[in-house]
Amino acid sequence: SRASGFIRSALLVAALGAGLRGDLFTIANTLPNMVYILLAGGIFNAVL
């Protein structure tokens, strides 16, 4: 999983760079995971 994720990350930087354009997508794509963790992630992972 991490190997395929590593390839994804390398391609992302190649496609969009590490500047402002890359940050636009990275922040947008990270927000759902952050919001999910905020709303339910702790209960699911640690308590359930």
PDB file of all heavy atoms in Angstrom:
ATOM      1  N   SER A   1       0.824  -1.202   0.000  1.00  0.00           N
ATOM      2  CA  SER A   1       0.000   0.000   0.000  1.00  0.00           C
ATOM      3  C   SER A   1       0.861   1.255   0.000  1.00  0.00           C
ATOM      4  O   SER A   1       0.619   2.203  -0.758  1.00  0.00           O
ATOM      5  CB  SER A   1      -0.923  -0.012   1.223  1.00  0.00           C
ATOM      6  OG  SER A   1      -1.621   1.204   1.338  1.00  0.00           O
ATOM      7  N   ARG A   2       1.893   1.271   0.857  1.00  0.00           N
ATOM      8  CA  ARG A   2       2.758   2.442   0.939  1.00  0.00           C
ATOM      9  C   ARG A   2       3.603   2.609  -0.315  1.00  0.00           C
ATOM     10  O   ARG A   2       3.919   3.721  -0.721  1.00  0.00           O
ATOM     11  CB  ARG A   2       3.651   2.341   2.179  1.00  0.00           C
ATOM     12  CG  ARG A   2       2.884   2.527   3.478  1.00  0.00           C
ATOM     13  CD  ARG A   2       2.340   3.941   3.594  1.00  0.00           C
ATOM     14  NE  ARG A   2       1.496   4.103   4.765  1.00  0.00           N
ATOM     15  CZ  ARG A   2       0.962   5.249   5.136  1.00  0.00           C
ATOM     16  NH1 ARG A   2       1.168   6.340   4.422  1.00  0.00           N
ATOM     17  NH2 ARG A   2       0.179   5.321   6.191  1.00  0.00           N
ATOM     18  N   ALA A   3       3.995   1.477  -0.922  1.00  0.00           N
ATOM     19  CA  ALA A   3       4.760   1.570  -2.166  1.00  0.00           C
ATOM     20  C   ALA A   3       3.929   2.225  -3.257  1.00  0.00           C
ATOM     21  O   ALA A   3       4.397   3.123  -3.973  1.00  0.00           O
ATOM     22  CB  ALA A   3       5.216   0.186  -2.610  1.00  0.00           C
ATOM     23  N   SER A   4       2.672   1.812  -3.374  1.00  0.00           N
ATOM     24  CA  SER A   4       1.795   2.433  -4.371  1.00  0.00           C
ATOM     25  C   SER A   4       1.494   3.877  -3.992  1.00  0.00           C
ATOM     26  O   SER A   4       1.384   4.756  -4.865  1.00  0.00           O
ATOM     27  CB  SER A   4       0.495   1.629  -4.527  1.00  0.00           C
ATOM     28  OG  SER A   4      -0.157   1.472  -3.281  1.00  0.00           O
ATOM     29  N   GLY A   5       1.394   4.157  -2.685  1.00  0.00           N
ATOM     30  CA  GLY A   5       1.194   5.533  -2.249  1.00  0.00           C
ATOM     31  C   GLY A   5       2.401   6.409  -2.521  1.00  0.00           C
ATOM     32  O   GLY A   5       2.266   7.598  -2.835  1.00  0.00           O
ATOM     33  N   PHE A   6       3.586   5.819  -2.400  1.00  0.00           N
ATOM     34  CA  PHE A   6       4.821   6.535  -2.724  1.00  0.00           C
ATOM     35  C   PHE A   6       4.844   6.926  -4.198  1.00  0.00           C
ATOM     36  O   PHE A   6       5.202   8.053  -4.556  1.00  0.00           O
ATOM     37  CB  PHE A   6       6.018   5.648  -2.388  1.00  0.00           C
ATOM     38  CG  PHE A   6       7.325   6.162  -2.896  1.00  0.00           C
ATOM     39  CD1 PHE A   6       8.001   7.163  -2.226  1.00  0.00           C
ATOM     40  CD2 PHE A   6       7.888   5.658  -4.053  1.00  0.00           C
ATOM     41  CE1 PHE A   6       9.212   7.647  -2.695  1.00  0.00           C
ATOM     42  CE2 PHE A   6       9.095   6.127  -4.535  1.00  0.00           C
ATOM     43  CZ  PHE A   6       9.764   7.125  -3.857  1.00  0.00           C
ATOM     44  N   ILE A   7       4.462   5.994  -5.074  1.00  0.00           N
ATOM     45  CA  ILE A   7       4.395   6.293  -6.515  1.00  0.00           C
ATOM     46  C   ILE A   7       3.397   7.417  -6.761  1.00  0.00           C
ATOM     47  O   ILE A   7       3.652   8.350  -7.543  1.00  0.00           O
ATOM     48  CB  ILE A   7       4.013   5.034  -7.305  1.00  0.00           C
ATOM     49  CG1 ILE A   7       5.116   3.985  -7.171  1.00  0.00           C
ATOM     50  CG2 ILE A   7       3.771   5.356  -8.779  1.00  0.00           C
ATOM     51  CD1 ILE A   7       4.737   2.625  -7.720  1.00  0.00           C
ATOM     52  N   ARG A   8       2.263   7.344  -6.084  1.00  0.00           N
ATOM     53  CA  ARG A   8       1.247   8.393  -6.229  1.00  0.00           C
ATOM     54  C   ARG A   8       1.800   9.754  -5.824  1.00  0.00           C
ATOM     55  O   ARG A   8       1.611  10.752  -6.531  1.00  0.00           O
ATOM     56  CB  ARG A   8       0.034   8.048  -5.355  1.00  0.00           C
ATOM     57  CG  ARG A   8      -1.022   9.134  -5.295  1.00  0.00           C
ATOM     58  CD  ARG A   8      -2.004   8.881  -4.172  1.00  0.00           C
ATOM     59  NE  ARG A   8      -2.924   9.990  -4.036  1.00  0.00           N
ATOM     60  CZ  ARG A   8      -2.670  11.107  -3.373  1.00  0.00           C
ATOM     61  NH1 ARG A   8      -1.490  11.274  -2.786  1.00  0.00           N
ATOM     62  NH2 ARG A   8      -3.575  12.073  -3.301  1.00  0.00           N
ATOM     63  N   SER A   9       2.520   9.806  -4.701  1.00  0.00           N
ATOM     64  CA  SER A   9       3.064  11.070  -4.214  1.00  0.00           C
ATOM     65  C   SER A   9       4.103  11.636  -5.176  1.00  0.00           C
ATOM     66  O   SER A   9       4.134  12.847  -5.442  1.00  0.00           O
ATOM     67  CB  SER A   9       3.675  10.869  -2.827  1.00  0.00           C
ATOM     68  OG  SER A   9       4.132  12.075  -2.283  1.00  0.00           O
ATOM     69  N   ALA A  10       4.970  10.751  -5.714  1.00  0.00           N
ATOM     70  CA  ALA A  10       5.983  11.196  -6.668  1.00  0.00           C
ATOM     71  C   ALA A  10       5.340  11.751  -7.935  1.00  0.00           C
ATOM     72  O   ALA A  10       5.762  12.788  -8.466  1.00  0.00           O
ATOM     73  CB  ALA A  10       6.913  10.031  -7.011  1.00  0.00           C
ATOM     74  N   LEU A  11       4.298  11.077  -8.417  1.00  0.00           N
ATOM     75  CA  LEU A  11       3.598  11.553  -9.613  1.00  0.00           C
ATOM     76  C   LEU A  11       2.889  12.877  -9.351  1.00  0.00           C
ATOM     77  O   LEU A  11       2.824  13.746 -10.235  1.00  0.00           O
ATOM     78  CB  LEU A  11       2.584  10.501 -10.081  1.00  0.00           C
ATOM     79  CG  LEU A  11       3.164   9.220 -10.694  1.00  0.00           C
ATOM     80  CD1 LEU A  11       2.045   8.203 -10.935  1.00  0.00           C
ATOM     81  CD2 LEU A  11       3.881   9.531 -12.006  1.00  0.00           C
ATOM     82  N   LEU A  12       2.364  13.030  -8.154  1.00  0.00           N
ATOM     83  CA  LEU A  12       1.668  14.269  -7.806  1.00  0.00           C
ATOM     84  C   LEU A  12       2.614  15.463  -7.866  1.00  0.00           C
ATOM     85  O   LEU A  12       2.277  16.515  -8.437  1.00  0.00           O
ATOM     86  CB  LEU A  12       1.057  14.141  -6.413  1.00  0.00           C
ATOM     87  CG  LEU A  12       0.366  15.382  -5.855  1.00  0.00           C
ATOM     88  CD1 LEU A  12      -0.832  15.761  -6.718  1.00  0.00           C
ATOM     89  CD2 LEU A  12      -0.082  15.146  -4.416  1.00  0.00           C
ATOM     90  N   VAL A  13       3.803  15.313  -7.291  1.00  0.00           N
ATOM     91  CA  VAL A  13       4.772  16.408  -7.319  1.00  0.00           C
ATOM     92  C   VAL A  13       5.243  16.657  -8.749  1.00  0.00           C
ATOM     93  O   VAL A  13       5.432  17.810  -9.166  1.00  0.00           O
ATOM     94  CB  VAL A  13       5.954  16.097  -6.382  1.00  0.00           C
ATOM     95  CG1 VAL A  13       7.042  17.152  -6.525  1.00  0.00           C
ATOM     96  CG2 VAL A  13       5.473  16.028  -4.930  1.00  0.00           C
ATOM     97  N   ALA A  14       5.417  15.578  -9.528  1.00  0.00           N
ATOM     98  CA  ALA A  14       5.811  15.752 -10.927  1.00  0.00           C
ATOM     99  C   ALA A  14       4.736  16.491 -11.717  1.00  0.00           C
ATOM    100  O   ALA A  14       5.037  17.346 -12.555  1.00  0.00           O
ATOM    101  CB  ALA A  14       6.083  14.393 -11.570  1.00  0.00           C
ATOM    102  N   ALA A  15       3.473  16.183 -11.446  1.00  0.00           N
ATOM    103  CA  ALA A  15       2.375  16.790 -12.196  1.00  0.00           C
ATOM    104  C   ALA A  15       2.091  18.222 -11.771  1.00  0.00           C
ATOM    105  O   ALA A  15       1.899  19.109 -12.614  1.00  0.00           O
ATOM    106  CB  ALA A  15       1.107  15.938 -12.041  1.00  0.00           C
ATOM    107  N   LEU A  16       2.065  18.471 -10.457  1.00  0.00           N
ATOM    108  CA  LEU A  16       1.602  19.768  -9.948  1.00  0.00           C
ATOM    109  C   LEU A  16       2.690  20.586  -9.279  1.00  0.00           C
ATOM    110  O   LEU A  16       2.492  21.779  -9.023  1.00  0.00           O
ATOM    111  CB  LEU A  16       0.452  19.553  -8.948  1.00  0.00           C
ATOM    112  CG  LEU A  16      -0.767  18.786  -9.466  1.00  0.00           C
ATOM    113  CD1 LEU A  16      -1.799  18.629  -8.356  1.00  0.00           C
ATOM    114  CD2 LEU A  16      -1.384  19.471 -10.670  1.00  0.00           C
ATOM    115  N   GLY A  17       3.841  19.969  -8.973  1.00  0.00           N
ATOM    116  CA  GLY A  17       4.891  20.689  -8.280  1.00  0.00           C
ATOM    117  C   GLY A  17       4.640  20.746  -6.784  1.00  0.00           C
ATOM    118  O   GLY A  17       3.642  20.234  -6.268  1.00  0.00           O
ATOM    119  N   ALA A  18       5.567  21.376  -6.074  1.00  0.00           N
ATOM    120  CA  ALA A  18       5.446  21.515  -4.616  1.00  0.00           C
ATOM    121  C   ALA A  18       5.096  22.936  -4.214  1.00  0.00           C
ATOM    122  O   ALA A  18       5.151  23.285  -3.032  1.00  0.00           O
ATOM    123  CB  ALA A  18       6.750  21.095  -3.949  1.00  0.00           C
ATOM    124  N   GLY A  19       4.720  23.765  -5.192  1.00  0.00           N
ATOM    125  CA  GLY A  19       4.374  25.156  -4.912  1.00  0.00           C
ATOM    126  C   GLY A  19       2.884  25.344  -4.692  1.00  0.00           C
ATOM    127  O   GLY A  19       2.181  24.457  -4.202  1.00  0.00           O
ATOM    128  N   LEU A  20       2.383  26.496  -5.114  1.00  0.00           N
ATOM    129  CA  LEU A  20       1.001  26.864  -4.835  1.00  0.00           C
ATOM    130  C   LEU A  20       0.005  25.928  -5.508  1.00  0.00           C
ATOM    131  O   LEU A  20      -0.987  25.524  -4.908  1.00  0.00           O
ATOM    132  CB  LEU A  20       0.762  28.316  -5.283  1.00  0.00           C
ATOM    133  CG  LEU A  20      -0.625  28.896  -5.013  1.00  0.00           C
ATOM    134  CD1 LEU A  20      -1.015  28.731  -3.557  1.00  0.00           C
ATOM    135  CD2 LEU A  20      -0.663  30.365  -5.429  1.00  0.00           C
ATOM    136  N   ARG A  21       0.259  25.552  -6.775  1.00  0.00           N
ATOM    137  CA  ARG A  21      -0.679  24.662  -7.465  1.00  0.00           C
ATOM    138  C   ARG A  21      -0.769  23.309  -6.751  1.00  0.00           C
ATOM    139  O   ARG A  21      -1.864  22.781  -6.553  1.00  0.00           O
ATOM    140  CB  ARG A  21      -0.259  24.450  -8.918  1.00  0.00           C
ATOM    141  CG  ARG A  21      -1.099  23.413  -9.636  1.00  0.00           C
ATOM    142  CD  ARG A  21      -0.732  23.264 -11.103  1.00  0.00           C
ATOM    143  NE  ARG A  21      -1.329  24.320 -11.899  1.00  0.00           N
ATOM    144  CZ  ARG A  21      -1.464  24.260 -13.230  1.00  0.00           C
ATOM    145  NH1 ARG A  21      -1.049  23.206 -13.904  1.00  0.00           N
ATOM    146  NH2 ARG A  21      -2.014  25.257 -13.882  1.00  0.00           N
ATOM    147  N   GLY A  22       0.364  22.764  -6.365  1.00  0.00           N
ATOM    148  CA  GLY A  22       0.349  21.506  -5.625  1.00  0.00           C
ATOM    149  C   GLY A  22      -0.403  21.620  -4.313  1.00  0.00           C
ATOM    150  O   GLY A  22      -1.148  20.713  -3.923  1.00  0.00           O
ATOM    151  N   ASP A  23      -0.226  22.754  -3.633  1.00  0.00           N
ATOM    152  CA  ASP A  23      -0.918  22.944  -2.358  1.00  0.00           C
ATOM    153  C   ASP A  23      -2.428  23.053  -2.532  1.00  0.00           C
ATOM    154  O   ASP A  23      -3.184  22.596  -1.660  1.00  0.00           O
ATOM    155  CB  ASP A  23      -0.388  24.203  -1.662  1.00  0.00           C
ATOM    156  CG  ASP A  23       0.847  23.907  -0.816  1.00  0.00           C
ATOM    157  OD1 ASP A  23       1.397  22.803  -0.952  1.00  0.00           O
ATOM    158  OD2 ASP A  23       1.253  24.793  -0.030  1.00  0.00           O
ATOM    159  N   LEU A  24      -2.890  23.643  -3.629  1.00  0.00           N
ATOM    160  CA  LEU A  24      -4.332  23.745  -3.856  1.00  0.00           C
ATOM    161  C   LEU A  24      -4.977  22.363  -3.845  1.00  0.00           C
ATOM    162  O   LEU A  24      -5.996  22.135  -3.188  1.00  0.00           O
ATOM    163  CB  LEU A  24      -4.621  24.439  -5.194  1.00  0.00           C
ATOM    164  CG  LEU A  24      -4.227  25.913  -5.322  1.00  0.00           C
ATOM    165  CD1 LEU A  24      -4.546  26.421  -6.726  1.00  0.00           C
ATOM    166  CD2 LEU A  24      -4.951  26.768  -4.284  1.00  0.00           C
ATOM    167  N   PHE A  25      -4.373  21.431  -4.593  1.00  0.00           N
ATOM    168  CA  PHE A  25      -4.944  20.082  -4.648  1.00  0.00           C
ATOM    169  C   PHE A  25      -4.703  19.322  -3.351  1.00  0.00           C
ATOM    170  O   PHE A  25      -5.607  18.640  -2.837  1.00  0.00           O
ATOM    171  CB  PHE A  25      -4.354  19.296  -5.819  1.00  0.00           C
ATOM    172  CG  PHE A  25      -4.749  17.841  -5.797  1.00  0.00           C
ATOM    173  CD1 PHE A  25      -6.048  17.464  -6.078  1.00  0.00           C
ATOM    174  CD2 PHE A  25      -3.828  16.862  -5.459  1.00  0.00           C
ATOM    175  CE1 PHE A  25      -6.430  16.127  -6.031  1.00  0.00           C
ATOM    176  CE2 PHE A  25      -4.198  15.530  -5.407  1.00  0.00           C
ATOM    177  CZ  PHE A  25      -5.500  15.161  -5.701  1.00  0.00           C
ATOM    178  N   THR A  26      -3.504  19.405  -2.795  1.00  0.00           N
ATOM    179  CA  THR A  26      -3.178  18.623  -1.605  1.00  0.00           C
ATOM    180  C   THR A  26      -4.066  19.002  -0.436  1.00  0.00           C
ATOM    181  O   THR A  26      -4.560  18.140   0.302  1.00  0.00           O
ATOM    182  CB  THR A  26      -1.700  18.813  -1.228  1.00  0.00           C
ATOM    183  OG1 THR A  26      -0.876  18.504  -2.352  1.00  0.00           O
ATOM    184  CG2 THR A  26      -1.312  17.897  -0.081  1.00  0.00           C
ATOM    185  N   ILE A  27      -4.307  20.301  -0.237  1.00  0.00           N
ATOM    186  CA  ILE A  27      -5.186  20.744   0.853  1.00  0.00           C
ATOM    187  C   ILE A  27      -6.609  20.286   0.595  1.00  0.00           C
ATOM    188  O   ILE A  27      -7.287  19.762   1.489  1.00  0.00           O
ATOM    189  CB  ILE A  27      -5.109  22.268   1.030  1.00  0.00           C
ATOM    190  CG1 ILE A  27      -3.717  22.662   1.553  1.00  0.00           C
ATOM    191  CG2 ILE A  27      -6.188  22.762   1.996  1.00  0.00           C
ATOM    192  CD1 ILE A  27      -3.472  24.157   1.591  1.00  0.00           C
ATOM    193  N   ALA A  28      -7.104  20.465  -0.641  1.00  0.00           N
ATOM    194  CA  ALA A  28      -8.476  20.053  -0.969  1.00  0.00           C
ATOM    195  C   ALA A  28      -8.672  18.562  -0.758  1.00  0.00           C
ATOM    196  O   ALA A  28      -9.723  18.123  -0.276  1.00  0.00           O
ATOM    197  CB  ALA A  28      -8.795  20.436  -2.414  1.00  0.00           C
ATOM    198  N   ASN A  29      -7.672  17.765  -1.117  1.00  0.00           N
ATOM    199  CA  ASN A  29      -7.788  16.317  -1.009  1.00  0.00           C
ATOM    200  C   ASN A  29      -7.534  15.812   0.404  1.00  0.00           C
ATOM    201  O   ASN A  29      -7.888  14.682   0.738  1.00  0.00           O
ATOM    202  CB  ASN A  29      -6.811  15.638  -1.983  1.00  0.00           C
ATOM    203  CG  ASN A  29      -7.116  14.175  -2.182  1.00  0.00           C
ATOM    204  OD1 ASN A  29      -8.275  13.775  -2.315  1.00  0.00           O
ATOM    205  ND2 ASN A  29      -6.079  13.354  -2.212  1.00  0.00           N
ATOM    206  N   THR A  30      -6.914  16.634   1.245  1.00  0.00           N
ATOM    207  CA  THR A  30      -6.654  16.255   2.632  1.00  0.00           C
ATOM    208  C   THR A  30      -7.819  16.608   3.542  1.00  0.00           C
ATOM    209  O   THR A  30      -8.070  15.914   4.539  1.00  0.00           O
ATOM    210  CB  THR A  30      -5.373  16.951   3.143  1.00  0.00           C
ATOM    211  OG1 THR A  30      -4.278  16.594   2.293  1.00  0.00           O
ATOM    212  CG2 THR A  30      -5.034  16.537   4.562  1.00  0.00           C
ATOM    213  N   LEU A  31      -8.544  17.660   3.212  1.00  0.00           N
ATOM    214  CA  LEU A  31      -9.639  18.113   4.074  1.00  0.00           C
ATOM    215  C   LEU A  31     -10.662  17.023   4.397  1.00  0.00           C
ATOM    216  O   LEU A  31     -11.091  16.915   5.547  1.00  0.00           O
ATOM    217  CB  LEU A  31     -10.344  19.312   3.436  1.00  0.00           C
ATOM    218  CG  LEU A  31      -9.699  20.678   3.669  1.00  0.00           C
ATOM    219  CD1 LEU A  31     -10.524  21.774   3.010  1.00  0.00           C
ATOM    220  CD2 LEU A  31      -9.567  20.966   5.156  1.00  0.00           C
ATOM    221  N   PRO A  32     -11.094  16.188   3.423  1.00  0.00           N
ATOM    222  CA  PRO A  32     -12.080  15.156   3.780  1.00  0.00           C
ATOM    223  C   PRO A  32     -11.588  14.218   4.875  1.00  0.00           C
ATOM    224  O   PRO A  32     -12.352  13.867   5.786  1.00  0.00           O
ATOM    225  CB  PRO A  32     -12.298  14.401   2.456  1.00  0.00           C
ATOM    226  CG  PRO A  32     -11.970  15.391   1.401  1.00  0.00           C
ATOM    227  CD  PRO A  32     -10.858  16.220   1.968  1.00  0.00           C
ATOM    228  N   ASN A  33     -10.334  13.805   4.803  1.00  0.00           N
ATOM    229  CA  ASN A  33      -9.802  12.923   5.832  1.00  0.00           C
ATOM    230  C   ASN A  33      -9.724  13.635   7.171  1.00  0.00           C
ATOM    231  O   ASN A  33     -10.033  13.055   8.227  1.00  0.00           O
ATOM    232  CB  ASN A  33      -8.413  12.423   5.423  1.00  0.00           C
ATOM    233  CG  ASN A  33      -7.912  11.317   6.331  1.00  0.00           C
ATOM    234  OD1 ASN A  33      -8.673  10.469   6.768  1.00  0.00           O
ATOM    235  ND2 ASN A  33      -6.625  11.333   6.619  1.00  0.00           N
ATOM    236  N   MET A  34      -9.322  14.902   7.155  1.00  0.00           N
ATOM    237  CA  MET A  34      -9.258  15.673   8.393  1.00  0.00           C
ATOM    238  C   MET A  34     -10.641  15.834   9.021  1.00  0.00           C
ATOM    239  O   MET A  34     -10.810  15.673  10.235  1.00  0.00           O
ATOM    240  CB  MET A  34      -8.641  17.046   8.116  1.00  0.00           C
ATOM    241  CG  MET A  34      -7.172  16.990   7.697  1.00  0.00           C
ATOM    242  SD  MET A  34      -6.559  18.597   7.101  1.00  0.00           S
ATOM    243  CE  MET A  34      -6.803  19.615   8.552  1.00  0.00           C
ATOM    244  N   VAL A  35     -11.633  16.130   8.177  1.00  0.00           N
ATOM    245  CA  VAL A  35     -12.991  16.322   8.686  1.00  0.00           C
ATOM    246  C   VAL A  35     -13.552  15.002   9.200  1.00  0.00           C
ATOM    247  O   VAL A  35     -14.203  14.953  10.261  1.00  0.00           O
ATOM    248  CB  VAL A  35     -13.901  16.910   7.592  1.00  0.00           C
ATOM    249  CG1 VAL A  35     -15.348  16.938   8.054  1.00  0.00           C
ATOM    250  CG2 VAL A  35     -13.430  18.314   7.221  1.00  0.00           C
ATOM    251  N   TYR A  36     -13.296  13.906   8.475  1.00  0.00           N
ATOM    252  CA  TYR A  36     -13.765  12.595   8.934  1.00  0.00           C
ATOM    253  C   TYR A  36     -13.167  12.270  10.301  1.00  0.00           C
ATOM    254  O   TYR A  36     -13.870  11.829  11.213  1.00  0.00           O
ATOM    255  CB  TYR A  36     -13.391  11.499   7.924  1.00  0.00           C
ATOM    256  CG  TYR A  36     -13.221  10.170   8.600  1.00  0.00           C
ATOM    257  CD1 TYR A  36     -14.336   9.508   9.113  1.00  0.00           C
ATOM    258  CD2 TYR A  36     -11.957   9.633   8.817  1.00  0.00           C
ATOM    259  CE1 TYR A  36     -14.189   8.323   9.806  1.00  0.00           C
ATOM    260  CE2 TYR A  36     -11.800   8.454   9.513  1.00  0.00           C
ATOM    261  CZ  TYR A  36     -12.917   7.794  10.000  1.00  0.00           C
ATOM    262  OH  TYR A  36     -12.768   6.639  10.694  1.00  0.00           O
ATOM    263  N   ILE A  37     -11.864  12.474  10.454  1.00  0.00           N
ATOM    264  CA  ILE A  37     -11.204  12.192  11.731  1.00  0.00           C
ATOM    265  C   ILE A  37     -11.809  13.051  12.834  1.00  0.00           C
ATOM    266  O   ILE A  37     -12.060  12.588  13.953  1.00  0.00           O
ATOM    267  CB  ILE A  37      -9.687  12.426  11.626  1.00  0.00           C
ATOM    268  CG1 ILE A  37      -9.057  11.374  10.707  1.00  0.00           C
ATOM    269  CG2 ILE A  37      -9.032  12.372  12.997  1.00  0.00           C
ATOM    270  CD1 ILE A  37      -7.602  11.631  10.394  1.00  0.00           C
ATOM    271  N   LEU A  38     -12.079  14.307  12.508  1.00  0.00           N
ATOM    272  CA  LEU A  38     -12.673  15.221  13.480  1.00  0.00           C
ATOM    273  C   LEU A  38     -14.035  14.727  13.943  1.00  0.00           C
ATOM    274  O   LEU A  38     -14.363  14.767  15.131  1.00  0.00           O
ATOM    275  CB  LEU A  38     -12.800  16.621  12.867  1.00  0.00           C
ATOM    276  CG  LEU A  38     -13.465  17.699  13.731  1.00  0.00           C
ATOM    277  CD1 LEU A  38     -12.640  17.941  14.984  1.00  0.00           C
ATOM    278  CD2 LEU A  38     -13.631  18.985  12.932  1.00  0.00           C
ATOM    279  N   LEU A  39     -14.840  14.212  12.989  1.00  0.00           N
ATOM    280  CA  LEU A  39     -16.214  13.847  13.303  1.00  0.00           C
ATOM    281  C   LEU A  39     -16.343  12.460  13.915  1.00  0.00           C
ATOM    282  O   LEU A  39     -17.168  12.244  14.802  1.00  0.00           O
ATOM    283  CB  LEU A  39     -17.072  13.923  12.032  1.00  0.00           C
ATOM    284  CG  LEU A  39     -17.228  15.322  11.418  1.00  0.00           C
ATOM    285  CD1 LEU A  39     -17.943  15.228  10.084  1.00  0.00           C
ATOM    286  CD2 LEU A  39     -17.995  16.229  12.364  1.00  0.00           C
ATOM    287  N   ALA A  40     -15.586  11.491  13.417  1.00  0.00           N
ATOM    288  CA  ALA A  40     -15.837  10.116  13.835  1.00  0.00           C
ATOM    289  C   ALA A  40     -14.605   9.245  13.984  1.00  0.00           C
ATOM    290  O   ALA A  40     -14.699   8.147  14.539  1.00  0.00           O
ATOM    291  CB  ALA A  40     -16.787   9.449  12.824  1.00  0.00           C
ATOM    292  N   GLY A  41     -13.463   9.681  13.486  1.00  0.00           N
ATOM    293  CA  GLY A  41     -12.308   8.805  13.420  1.00  0.00           C
ATOM    294  C   GLY A  41     -11.847   8.266  14.760  1.00  0.00           C
ATOM    295  O   GLY A  41     -11.501   7.089  14.883  1.00  0.00           O
ATOM    296  N   GLY A  42     -11.838   9.106  15.788  1.00  0.00           N
ATOM    297  CA  GLY A  42     -11.357   8.650  17.083  1.00  0.00           C
ATOM    298  C   GLY A  42     -12.219   7.546  17.664  1.00  0.00           C
ATOM    299  O   GLY A  42     -11.709   6.562  18.209  1.00  0.00           O
ATOM    300  N   ILE A  43     -13.529   7.693  17.556  1.00  0.00           N
ATOM    301  CA  ILE A  43     -14.427   6.667  18.083  1.00  0.00           C
ATOM    302  C   ILE A  43     -14.226   5.362  17.334  1.00  0.00           C
ATOM    303  O   ILE A  43     -14.127   4.282  17.920  1.00  0.00           O
ATOM    304  CB  ILE A  43     -15.893   7.131  17.978  1.00  0.00           C
ATOM    305  CG1 ILE A  43     -16.127   8.356  18.861  1.00  0.00           C
ATOM    306  CG2 ILE A  43     -16.843   6.008  18.391  1.00  0.00           C
ATOM    307  CD1 ILE A  43     -17.507   8.937  18.757  1.00  0.00           C
ATOM    308  N   PHE A  44     -14.181   5.420  16.008  1.00  0.00           N
ATOM    309  CA  PHE A  44     -14.056   4.209  15.204  1.00  0.00           C
ATOM    310  C   PHE A  44     -12.751   3.481  15.512  1.00  0.00           C
ATOM    311  O   PHE A  44     -12.732   2.266  15.669  1.00  0.00           O
ATOM    312  CB  PHE A  44     -14.097   4.558  13.715  1.00  0.00           C
ATOM    313  CG  PHE A  44     -15.457   4.946  13.213  1.00  0.00           C
ATOM    314  CD1 PHE A  44     -15.637   5.321  11.895  1.00  0.00           C
ATOM    315  CD2 PHE A  44     -16.560   4.932  14.042  1.00  0.00           C
ATOM    316  CE1 PHE A  44     -16.885   5.680  11.415  1.00  0.00           C
ATOM    317  CE2 PHE A  44     -17.821   5.286  13.579  1.00  0.00           C
ATOM    318  CZ  PHE A  44     -17.983   5.672  12.262  1.00  0.00           C
ATOM    319  N   ASN A  45     -11.654   4.207  15.586  1.00  0.00           N
ATOM    320  CA  ASN A  45     -10.340   3.584  15.679  1.00  0.00           C
ATOM    321  C   ASN A  45     -10.021   3.070  17.080  1.00  0.00           C
ATOM    322  O   ASN A  45      -9.490   1.972  17.228  1.00  0.00           O
ATOM    323  CB  ASN A  45      -9.248   4.571  15.253  1.00  0.00           C
ATOM    324  CG  ASN A  45      -9.127   4.645  13.748  1.00  0.00           C
ATOM    325  OD1 ASN A  45      -9.137   3.639  13.067  1.00  0.00           O
ATOM    326  ND2 ASN A  45      -9.015   5.854  13.231  1.00  0.00           N
ATOM    327  N   ALA A  46     -10.292   3.868  18.075  1.00  0.00           N
ATOM    328  CA  ALA A  46      -9.771   3.566  19.401  1.00  0.00           C
ATOM    329  C   ALA A  46     -10.805   3.004  20.369  1.00  0.00           C
ATOM    330  O   ALA A  46     -10.458   2.228  21.266  1.00  0.00           O
ATOM    331  CB  ALA A  46      -9.149   4.829  20.007  1.00  0.00           C
ATOM    332  N   VAL A  47     -12.067   3.390  20.223  1.00  0.00           N
ATOM    333  CA  VAL A  47     -13.085   2.973  21.183  1.00  0.00           C
ATOM    334  C   VAL A  47     -13.838   1.750  20.695  1.00  0.00           C
ATOM    335  O   VAL A  47     -14.173   0.852  21.463  1.00  0.00           O
ATOM    336  CB  VAL A  47     -14.079   4.137  21.453  1.00  0.00           C
ATOM    337  CG1 VAL A  47     -15.184   3.691  22.387  1.00  0.00           C
ATOM    338  CG2 VAL A  47     -13.338   5.324  22.037  1.00  0.00           C
ATOM    339  N   LEU A  48     -14.088   1.665  19.386  1.00  0.00           N
ATOM    340  CA  LEU A  48     -14.973   0.635  18.862  1.00  0.00           C
ATOM    341  C   LEU A  48     -14.388  -0.770  18.995  1.00  0.00           C
ATOM    342  O   LEU A  48     -15.110  -1.717  19.330  1.00  0.00           O
ATOM    343  CB  LEU A  48     -15.286   0.934  17.388  1.00  0.00           C
ATOM    344  CG  LEU A  48     -16.380   0.074  16.758  1.00  0.00           C
ATOM    345  CD1 LEU A  48     -17.686   0.238  17.512  1.00  0.00           C
ATOM    346  CD2 LEU A  48     -16.564   0.433  15.294  1.00  0.00           C
TER     347      LEU A  48
END
